[in-house]
């Protein structure tokens, strides 16, 4: 998705966007694969939402596989 770059460039960053459409049928299929053990998600580490800066820092420094997860509680 193309996004305006003027303000981003002024701040020395590159901007991009992502668009997605909700697909209940695909979400149900993914849930089924997870429930049956055919799809597994590798979680590297979890952080509380309040520690989002630490999570981002960790993500940028690690090369270990797995998702970085923010928890909301």
Protein backbone atom coordinates (compact mmCIF):
# COMPACT_ATOMS: atom_id res chain seq x y z
CA UNK A 1 0.00 0.00 0.00
CA UNK A 2 1.41 3.35 -1.02
CA UNK A 3 1.56 6.01 1.70
CA UNK A 4 2.50 9.71 1.64
CA UNK A 5 6.24 10.04 2.16
CA UNK A 6 6.70 13.81 2.66
CA UNK A 7 6.32 13.88 6.44
CA UNK A 8 8.15 10.58 6.87
CA UNK A 9 11.10 11.79 4.82
CA UNK A 10 11.16 15.06 6.75
CA UNK A 11 11.60 12.99 9.91
CA UNK A 12 14.19 10.71 8.32
CA UNK A 13 12.05 7.59 8.20
CA UNK A 14 10.34 5.46 5.56
CA UNK A 15 6.62 4.89 5.84
CA UNK A 16 4.47 2.07 4.50
CA UNK A 17 0.98 0.75 5.05
CA UNK A 18 -0.71 -2.62 5.05
CA UNK A 19 -4.33 -3.35 4.29
CA UNK A 20 -6.16 -6.54 5.15
CA UNK A 21 -9.70 -7.79 4.86
CA UNK A 22 -11.31 -9.90 7.59
CA UNK A 23 -11.79 -13.50 6.49
CA UNK A 24 -13.70 -15.55 9.05
CA UNK A 25 -13.33 -18.68 6.92
CA UNK A 26 -9.53 -18.44 6.92
CA UNK A 27 -9.39 -17.62 10.63
CA UNK A 28 -11.53 -20.68 11.36
CA UNK A 29 -9.18 -22.86 9.27
CA UNK A 30 -6.13 -21.52 11.12
CA UNK A 31 -7.87 -22.16 14.46
CA UNK A 32 -8.61 -25.72 13.35
CA UNK A 33 -4.97 -26.30 12.39
CA UNK A 34 -3.80 -24.99 15.77
CA UNK A 35 -6.39 -27.07 17.65
CA UNK A 36 -5.34 -30.27 15.86
CA UNK A 37 -1.64 -29.59 16.39
CA UNK A 38 -0.90 -29.26 12.67
CA UNK A 39 0.15 -25.63 13.06
CA UNK A 40 2.37 -24.51 15.89
CA UNK A 41 3.44 -20.99 16.71
CA UNK A 42 6.93 -20.52 18.10
CA UNK A 43 6.99 -17.86 20.83
CA UNK A 44 10.44 -16.53 21.69
CA UNK A 45 9.46 -14.25 24.55
CA UNK A 46 6.48 -12.38 25.99
CA UNK A 47 6.34 -8.85 27.36
CA UNK A 48 3.52 -6.95 29.06
CA UNK A 49 2.10 -4.17 26.91
CA UNK A 50 3.60 -1.59 29.28
CA UNK A 51 7.07 -2.85 28.25
CA UNK A 52 6.56 -2.37 24.51
CA UNK A 53 9.82 -0.38 24.23
CA UNK A 54 11.78 -3.24 25.83
CA UNK A 55 10.04 -5.72 23.52
CA UNK A 56 11.00 -3.71 20.46
CA UNK A 57 14.58 -3.39 21.68
CA UNK A 58 14.73 -7.17 22.26
CA UNK A 59 13.26 -7.84 18.80
CA UNK A 60 15.86 -5.66 17.12
CA UNK A 61 18.75 -7.32 18.98
CA UNK A 62 17.80 -11.00 18.81
CA UNK A 63 18.35 -13.38 15.94
CA UNK A 64 16.61 -16.27 17.70
CA UNK A 65 13.50 -17.60 15.95
CA UNK A 66 10.02 -17.14 17.34
CA UNK A 67 7.47 -14.44 17.83
CA UNK A 68 7.72 -11.62 20.33
CA UNK A 69 4.32 -11.39 22.04
CA UNK A 70 2.79 -8.46 23.90
CA UNK A 71 0.36 -9.51 26.62
CA UNK A 72 -2.67 -7.47 27.60
CA UNK A 73 -4.00 -8.18 31.06
